Amino acid sequence: MPAVVDAAGPYTVNVVAYAPSVSSSVGCHATGVNDAISTVWSSGMRYVSSFGSGARYIALSGAFVPGNGQLYVCCDVGAGAGVNGLLW
């Protein structure tokens, strides 16, 4: 998913996820790229730390967006799980 950014700099993206069980989990990473898409800065893959019926948050830090760059969030979503939103 593309995430719109107005200014260059480091970004922390918080993913709001629904992960009811170990077999229905969510893992995501945030990646910033330069305008030539030749250099990337990534948060690394992170997964929900607990499971249940309520919202779970995944904090993704480490993505840097240079001037004229872009920010993307990519998630692996297990069957029965979901992504409810992004905050950045």
Protein backbone atom coordinates (compact mmCIF):
# COMPACT_ATOMS: atom_id res chain seq x y z
CA MET A 1 0.00 0.00 0.00
CA PRO A 2 1.40 3.43 -0.77
CA ALA A 3 1.44 5.87 2.16
CA VAL A 4 1.43 9.57 1.22
CA VAL A 5 4.20 11.65 2.82
CA ASP A 6 4.68 15.41 2.63
CA ALA A 7 8.22 15.74 3.94
CA ALA A 8 11.46 13.78 3.78
CA GLY A 9 12.60 12.04 6.96
CA PRO A 10 12.27 8.93 9.10
CA TYR A 11 8.79 7.48 9.50
CA THR A 12 7.16 5.11 11.97
CA VAL A 13 4.06 3.39 10.62
CA ASN A 14 1.56 1.79 12.99
CA VAL A 15 -0.54 -0.95 11.43
CA VAL A 16 -3.88 -1.68 13.09
CA ALA A 17 -4.49 -5.40 12.57
CA TYR A 18 -6.95 -8.11 13.49
CA ALA A 19 -5.17 -11.39 14.31
CA PRO A 20 -7.43 -13.86 16.12
CA SER A 21 -4.95 -16.76 16.41
CA VAL A 22 -1.44 -17.99 15.61
CA SER A 23 -2.72 -19.49 12.35
CA SER A 24 -4.51 -16.20 11.50
CA SER A 25 -1.66 -13.74 11.96
CA VAL A 26 -0.49 -10.48 10.35
CA GLY A 27 3.07 -9.38 9.61
CA CYS A 28 4.13 -6.15 7.88
CA HIS A 29 7.09 -4.02 6.87
CA ALA A 30 7.42 -0.36 5.86
CA THR A 31 9.84 0.67 3.13
CA GLY A 32 10.99 4.07 1.94
CA VAL A 33 12.52 4.40 -1.52
CA ASN A 34 14.27 7.18 -3.40
CA ASP A 35 12.77 8.60 -6.59
CA ALA A 36 14.93 6.33 -8.79
CA ILE A 37 13.89 3.29 -6.71
CA SER A 38 17.58 2.40 -6.43
CA THR A 39 17.94 2.77 -2.64
CA VAL A 40 15.58 1.45 0.04
CA TRP A 41 15.23 1.86 3.81
CA SER A 42 13.07 -0.77 5.52
CA SER A 43 11.67 -1.41 8.97
CA GLY A 44 12.13 -5.15 8.57
CA MET A 45 9.24 -7.60 8.88
CA ARG A 46 7.31 -7.41 12.16
CA TYR A 47 4.37 -9.52 13.32
CA VAL A 48 1.61 -8.97 15.88
CA SER A 49 2.89 -9.83 19.36
CA SER A 50 -0.41 -11.21 20.68
CA PHE A 51 -3.66 -12.63 19.37
CA GLY A 52 -7.35 -12.12 20.11
CA SER A 53 -10.56 -10.44 19.02
CA GLY A 54 -9.46 -6.82 19.54
CA ALA A 55 -7.21 -4.53 17.52
CA ARG A 56 -3.50 -5.34 17.51
CA TYR A 57 -0.85 -2.74 16.66
CA ILE A 58 2.38 -3.37 14.78
CA ALA A 59 4.92 -0.52 15.08
CA LEU A 60 7.20 -0.29 12.04
CA SER A 61 10.16 2.03 12.54
CA GLY A 62 13.25 2.34 10.37
CA ALA A 63 11.72 3.45 7.07
CA PHE A 64 13.33 6.65 5.78
CA VAL A 65 11.89 8.67 2.90
CA PRO A 66 14.29 11.00 1.06
CA GLY A 67 13.17 14.08 -0.88
CA ASN A 68 10.92 13.06 -3.80
CA GLY A 69 10.79 9.52 -2.37
CA GLN A 70 7.88 7.25 -1.53
CA LEU A 71 6.73 5.22 1.48
CA TYR A 72 5.12 1.79 1.12
CA VAL A 73 3.65 -0.70 3.59
CA CYS A 74 3.41 -4.39 2.73
CA CYS A 75 1.60 -6.98 4.88
CA ASP A 76 1.25 -10.76 4.90
CA VAL A 77 -2.28 -11.46 6.13
CA GLY A 78 -3.29 -14.96 7.17
CA ALA A 79 -6.72 -16.47 6.49
CA GLY A 80 -9.27 -14.96 8.86
CA ALA A 81 -6.98 -12.04 9.81
CA GLY A 82 -7.03 -8.49 8.48
CA VAL A 83 -5.55 -5.00 8.35
CA ASN A 84 -7.93 -2.36 9.68
CA GLY A 85 -5.83 0.73 9.07
CA LEU A 86 -2.50 2.56 8.96
CA LEU A 87 -1.30 5.44 11.12
CA TRP A 88 1.85 7.39 10.24
